[in-house]
N, C-alpha and C. Protein backbone atom coordinates (compact mmCIF):
# COMPACT_ATOMS: atom_id res chain seq x y z
N UNK A 1 14.73 -3.33 -7.97
CA UNK A 1 13.92 -3.05 -9.12
C UNK A 1 12.12 -4.31 -8.22
N UNK A 2 11.48 -3.51 -8.36
CA UNK A 2 10.54 -4.35 -7.92
C UNK A 2 9.05 -4.13 -8.92
N UNK A 3 8.20 -5.06 -8.42
CA UNK A 3 7.09 -5.07 -9.46
C UNK A 3 6.27 -5.67 -8.75
N UNK A 4 5.34 -4.87 -8.49
CA UNK A 4 4.30 -4.78 -7.20
C UNK A 4 2.66 -4.67 -8.49
N UNK A 5 1.81 -5.71 -7.74
CA UNK A 5 0.54 -5.54 -9.14
C UNK A 5 -0.01 -5.74 -7.89
N UNK A 6 -0.91 -4.32 -8.33
CA UNK A 6 -2.38 -3.64 -7.51
C UNK A 6 -3.86 -4.22 -7.98
N UNK A 7 -4.52 -4.55 -7.13
CA UNK A 7 -5.97 -5.35 -7.38
C UNK A 7 -6.79 -4.15 -6.82
N UNK A 8 -7.58 -3.31 -7.98
CA UNK A 8 -8.42 -2.71 -7.05
C UNK A 8 -9.95 -3.06 -6.76
N UNK A 9 -10.40 -2.20 -6.24
CA UNK A 9 -12.24 -2.98 -5.54
C UNK A 9 -12.87 -3.40 -6.61
N UNK A 10 -12.48 -2.82 -7.83
CA UNK A 10 -13.31 -3.33 -9.31
C UNK A 10 -12.55 -4.49 -10.32
N UNK A 11 -11.73 -5.06 -8.96
CA UNK A 11 -11.18 -6.59 -9.82
C UNK A 11 -10.46 -6.03 -11.20
N UNK A 12 -9.84 -4.41 -10.92
CA UNK A 12 -8.32 -4.07 -12.13
C UNK A 12 -7.63 -4.32 -11.56
N UNK A 13 -6.35 -5.47 -12.33
CA UNK A 13 -4.99 -5.54 -12.38
C UNK A 13 -3.92 -4.58 -12.79
N UNK A 14 -3.10 -3.62 -11.92
CA UNK A 14 -2.55 -2.98 -12.45
C UNK A 14 -1.22 -3.51 -11.43
N UNK A 15 -0.13 -3.30 -12.80
CA UNK A 15 1.49 -4.20 -12.35
C UNK A 15 2.55 -2.97 -12.46
N UNK A 16 2.88 -2.24 -11.48
CA UNK A 16 4.28 -1.26 -11.58
C UNK A 16 5.71 -1.72 -11.07
N UNK A 17 6.07 -0.99 -11.52
CA UNK A 17 7.79 -1.76 -10.97
C UNK A 17 8.09 -0.42 -10.67
N UNK A 18 9.25 -0.43 -9.76
CA UNK A 18 9.94 0.70 -9.06
C UNK A 18 11.11 0.66 -8.74
N UNK A 19 11.83 1.74 -7.90
CA UNK A 19 13.25 0.60 -7.35
C UNK A 19 13.23 2.04 -6.54
N UNK A 20 12.61 2.67 -6.17
CA UNK A 20 12.50 3.18 -5.02
C UNK A 20 10.93 4.69 -4.90
N UNK A 21 11.17 4.67 -3.33
CA UNK A 21 9.92 5.82 -3.12
C UNK A 21 9.23 4.75 -2.29
N UNK A 22 7.58 5.55 -2.65
CA UNK A 22 6.61 4.59 -1.55
C UNK A 22 5.89 4.14 -2.63
N UNK A 23 5.13 3.08 -1.69
CA UNK A 23 3.97 2.27 -2.72
C UNK A 23 3.33 3.35 -2.80
N UNK A 24 3.13 4.25 -2.42
CA UNK A 24 1.86 5.01 -2.76
C UNK A 24 1.92 5.93 -3.77
N UNK A 25 3.61 6.60 -4.23
CA UNK A 25 3.61 7.01 -5.12
C UNK A 25 3.69 6.10 -6.67
N UNK A 26 4.08 4.87 -6.29
CA UNK A 26 3.82 4.32 -7.55
C UNK A 26 3.05 4.59 -7.81
N UNK A 27 1.03 4.16 -7.10
CA UNK A 27 0.12 4.05 -6.96
C UNK A 27 -0.56 5.17 -7.62
N UNK A 28 -0.24 6.28 -6.87
CA UNK A 28 -0.53 7.68 -7.64
C UNK A 28 -0.08 7.55 -9.08
N UNK A 29 1.06 7.27 -9.22
CA UNK A 29 1.81 7.53 -10.55
C UNK A 29 1.10 6.85 -11.97
N UNK A 30 0.73 5.69 -11.75
CA UNK A 30 0.04 4.90 -11.80
C UNK A 30 -1.69 4.51 -12.15
N UNK A 31 -2.26 5.34 -11.57
CA UNK A 31 -3.52 6.22 -11.40
C UNK A 31 -4.34 4.92 -11.48
N UNK A 32 -3.89 4.28 -9.94
CA UNK A 32 -4.18 3.29 -8.71
C UNK A 32 -5.84 3.45 -8.50
N UNK A 33 -6.74 3.18 -8.99
CA UNK A 33 -7.92 3.79 -8.25
C UNK A 33 -8.29 3.11 -6.82
N UNK A 34 -8.58 4.21 -6.42
CA UNK A 34 -8.49 3.97 -4.57
C UNK A 34 -7.60 4.07 -3.78
N UNK A 35 -6.41 4.48 -4.64
CA UNK A 35 -5.33 5.34 -3.72
C UNK A 35 -5.43 7.07 -3.84
N UNK A 36 -6.33 7.10 -2.92
CA UNK A 36 -6.21 8.58 -3.47
C UNK A 36 -5.25 9.44 -2.33
N UNK A 37 -4.40 9.16 -2.06
CA UNK A 37 -3.50 10.20 -1.61
C UNK A 37 -3.83 11.51 -0.94
N UNK A 38 -4.48 11.28 -0.28
CA UNK A 38 -5.05 13.05 -0.19
C UNK A 38 -4.37 13.97 1.14
N UNK A 39 -3.72 12.79 1.55
CA UNK A 39 -2.43 14.50 2.84
C UNK A 39 -1.09 14.11 2.00
N UNK A 40 -1.05 13.40 0.74
CA UNK A 40 0.11 13.47 0.06
C UNK A 40 0.89 12.88 0.73
N UNK A 41 1.03 11.86 1.91
CA UNK A 41 1.83 10.36 2.25
C UNK A 41 2.24 10.56 3.86
N UNK A 42 1.87 11.38 3.87
CA UNK A 42 1.76 11.78 5.66
C UNK A 42 1.89 10.88 6.66
N UNK A 43 0.98 9.90 6.56
CA UNK A 43 -0.39 9.43 6.99
C UNK A 43 -0.56 9.72 8.13
N UNK A 44 -1.94 10.85 7.59
CA UNK A 44 -2.79 11.39 8.29
C UNK A 44 -3.85 11.27 8.03
N UNK A 45 -4.42 10.59 6.48
CA UNK A 45 -5.86 10.04 6.05
C UNK A 45 -6.77 8.65 5.61
N UNK A 46 -5.18 7.43 5.86
CA UNK A 46 -5.25 6.48 5.24
C UNK A 46 -6.40 5.84 4.33
N UNK A 47 -6.35 7.06 2.91
CA UNK A 47 -6.73 6.95 1.29
C UNK A 47 -5.61 6.02 1.06
N UNK A 48 -4.85 5.28 1.62
CA UNK A 48 -3.93 4.88 0.87
C UNK A 48 -3.82 3.79 1.33
N UNK A 49 -5.13 2.68 1.72
CA UNK A 49 -4.81 1.62 2.67
C UNK A 49 -4.89 1.12 1.90
N UNK A 50 -4.72 -0.11 1.89
CA UNK A 50 -4.07 -1.26 1.56
C UNK A 50 -3.93 -2.89 2.03
N UNK A 51 -4.47 -4.18 1.69
CA UNK A 51 -4.29 -5.40 2.19
C UNK A 51 -2.90 -6.17 1.01
N UNK A 52 -2.00 -6.21 2.00
CA UNK A 52 -0.97 -6.53 1.58
C UNK A 52 -1.12 -8.55 2.08
N UNK A 53 -0.69 -9.20 0.48
CA UNK A 53 -0.37 -10.28 0.82
C UNK A 53 -0.61 -11.04 1.41
N UNK A 54 -0.19 -11.95 2.61
CA UNK A 54 -0.04 -12.85 3.65
C UNK A 54 1.76 -13.15 3.08
N UNK A 55 1.81 -13.62 2.31
CA UNK A 55 3.17 -14.17 2.57
C UNK A 55 4.50 -13.39 2.20
N UNK A 56 3.83 -11.55 2.01
CA UNK A 56 4.59 -10.87 2.14
C UNK A 56 4.68 -9.90 3.40
N UNK A 57 4.03 -9.64 4.48
CA UNK A 57 3.74 -9.32 5.44
C UNK A 57 5.41 -9.37 5.82
N UNK A 58 5.76 -10.53 5.99
CA UNK A 58 7.00 -10.00 7.23
C UNK A 58 8.58 -9.81 6.15
N UNK A 59 8.31 -9.60 4.67
CA UNK A 59 9.05 -8.33 3.94
C UNK A 59 8.89 -6.87 4.18
N UNK A 60 8.18 -6.58 4.36
CA UNK A 60 8.06 -4.78 5.01
C UNK A 60 8.41 -4.91 6.76
N UNK A 61 8.75 -3.54 6.86
CA UNK A 61 9.31 -3.25 7.78
C UNK A 61 7.82 -3.13 8.82
N UNK A 62 8.05 -3.15 10.11
CA UNK A 62 6.98 -3.35 11.06
C UNK A 62 6.37 -2.32 10.51
N UNK A 63 4.91 -1.77 11.13
CA UNK A 63 4.41 -0.36 10.58
C UNK A 63 4.33 0.17 12.26
N UNK A 64 4.65 1.51 12.10
CA UNK A 64 5.23 1.99 13.34
C UNK A 64 3.78 2.48 14.02
N UNK A 65 4.27 3.80 15.28
CA UNK A 65 2.93 3.83 15.70
C UNK A 65 1.29 4.71 15.39
N UNK A 66 1.94 5.53 14.83
CA UNK A 66 1.27 6.76 13.83
C UNK A 66 0.51 5.07 12.67
N UNK A 67 0.65 4.79 12.34
CA UNK A 67 0.17 3.76 11.14
C UNK A 67 -0.90 3.02 11.66
N UNK A 68 -0.35 2.11 12.85
CA UNK A 68 -1.74 1.59 13.73
C UNK A 68 -2.41 2.12 13.80
N UNK A 69 -2.03 3.59 14.44
CA UNK A 69 -3.50 4.54 15.49
C UNK A 69 -4.49 4.85 14.33
N UNK A 70 -3.61 5.46 12.98
CA UNK A 70 -4.49 5.89 11.68
C UNK A 70 -5.68 4.24 10.97
N UNK A 71 -4.69 3.43 10.87
CA UNK A 71 -5.08 1.91 10.62
C UNK A 71 -6.24 1.72 11.22
N UNK A 72 -6.58 1.78 13.15
CA UNK A 72 -7.72 1.31 13.99
C UNK A 72 -9.13 1.79 13.52
N UNK A 73 -9.27 3.31 12.99
CA UNK A 73 -10.19 4.06 12.22
C UNK A 73 -10.67 3.78 11.08
N UNK A 74 -9.51 2.89 10.08
CA UNK A 74 -9.47 2.65 8.59
C UNK A 74 -11.13 1.97 8.53
N UNK A 75 -11.35 2.29 7.72
CA UNK A 75 -12.78 0.74 6.79
C UNK A 75 -11.77 -0.23 6.52
N UNK A 76 -12.45 -1.95 6.37
CA UNK A 76 -12.33 -2.75 6.22
C UNK A 76 -10.45 -3.18 6.48
N UNK A 77 -10.20 -2.37 7.56
CA UNK A 77 -8.94 -2.94 7.94
C UNK A 77 -9.08 -4.42 8.61
N UNK A 78 -7.72 -4.94 8.68
CA UNK A 78 -7.47 -6.34 9.15
C UNK A 78 -6.24 -6.79 9.10
N UNK A 79 -5.65 -7.60 9.87
CA UNK A 79 -4.13 -8.13 10.27
C UNK A 79 -2.96 -8.01 9.04
N UNK A 80 -4.16 -7.90 7.68
CA UNK A 80 -3.02 -7.35 6.67
C UNK A 80 -3.08 -6.08 6.21
N UNK A 81 -3.58 -5.06 6.60
CA UNK A 81 -3.78 -4.29 6.26
C UNK A 81 -2.89 -3.05 6.12
N UNK A 82 -2.54 -2.39 5.33
CA UNK A 82 -0.81 -0.97 5.70
C UNK A 82 -1.73 -0.14 5.17
N UNK A 83 -0.45 0.91 4.89
CA UNK A 83 -0.90 2.34 4.57
C UNK A 83 0.07 2.34 3.68
N UNK A 84 0.00 2.66 2.60
CA UNK A 84 0.72 2.55 1.01
C UNK A 84 2.06 3.47 1.79
N UNK A 85 1.78 4.59 1.61
CA UNK A 85 2.37 5.75 1.93
C UNK A 85 3.94 5.49 2.89
N UNK A 86 3.18 4.68 3.72
CA UNK A 86 4.43 4.30 5.11
C UNK A 86 5.20 2.93 4.13
N UNK A 87 4.96 2.35 2.71
CA UNK A 87 5.96 1.22 2.56
C UNK A 87 7.22 1.61 1.50
N UNK A 88 7.88 2.18 1.92
CA UNK A 88 8.73 2.17 0.82
C UNK A 88 9.67 1.35 0.41
N UNK A 89 9.68 1.50 -0.98
CA UNK A 89 10.11 0.41 -1.71
C UNK A 89 11.36 -0.31 -1.95
N UNK A 90 11.06 -1.89 -1.59
CA UNK A 90 12.91 -2.29 -1.54
C UNK A 90 12.53 -3.67 -2.60
N UNK A 91 13.39 -3.84 -3.05
CA UNK A 91 13.89 -5.21 -3.75
C UNK A 91 13.07 -6.75 -3.15
N UNK A 92 12.73 -6.92 -1.67
CA UNK A 92 11.96 -7.68 -0.96
C UNK A 92 10.64 -7.44 -1.58
N UNK A 93 10.10 -6.31 -2.15
CA UNK A 93 8.69 -6.21 -2.70
C UNK A 93 8.42 -6.89 -4.15
N UNK A 94 9.42 -7.28 -4.95
CA UNK A 94 9.33 -7.70 -5.68
C UNK A 94 8.47 -8.77 -5.50
N UNK A 95 7.81 -9.37 -6.38
CA UNK A 95 5.68 -10.24 -6.32
C UNK A 95 5.00 -9.90 -5.97
N UNK A 96 4.91 -8.94 -4.92
CA UNK A 96 3.87 -9.26 -4.02
C UNK A 96 2.83 -7.64 -4.73
N UNK A 97 1.48 -8.38 -4.25
CA UNK A 97 -0.11 -8.38 -4.42
C UNK A 97 -0.25 -7.70 -3.71
N UNK A 98 -0.89 -6.48 -3.78
CA UNK A 98 -2.01 -5.85 -2.48
C UNK A 98 -3.25 -5.34 -2.98
N UNK A 99 -4.18 -5.44 -2.12
CA UNK A 99 -5.29 -5.39 -2.63
C UNK A 99 -5.81 -4.22 -2.54
N UNK A 100 -6.68 -3.20 -3.49
CA UNK A 100 -6.70 -1.72 -2.67
C UNK A 100 -7.94 -1.95 -1.75
N UNK A 101 -8.20 -1.15 -0.46
CA UNK A 101 -8.73 -1.54 0.58
C UNK A 101 -10.30 -0.32 0.08
N UNK A 102 -9.67 0.62 -0.48
CA UNK A 102 -10.45 1.43 -0.35
C UNK A 102 -11.55 1.63 -1.87
């Protein structure tokens, strides 16, 4: 089980737990503002863009080429940017903090 904290642009903090699925699905299930997930999780819109806390970047699988391409055009992209639809929940994510980019 992983407990993940989302921090919205309005500084609202939402803590959610899951043991499977994507981070985007978890955010949508908990109505995290700024995670619109317009494409439904197929990596084609970047409306689930988040910034990962630096100390958790190495706990994630590397971003694929399609995700990297999408992030090139995303607003507020940084070295810590990921699309939450491409982040599969694992126990290693327990305690992760994500800042919603949108």
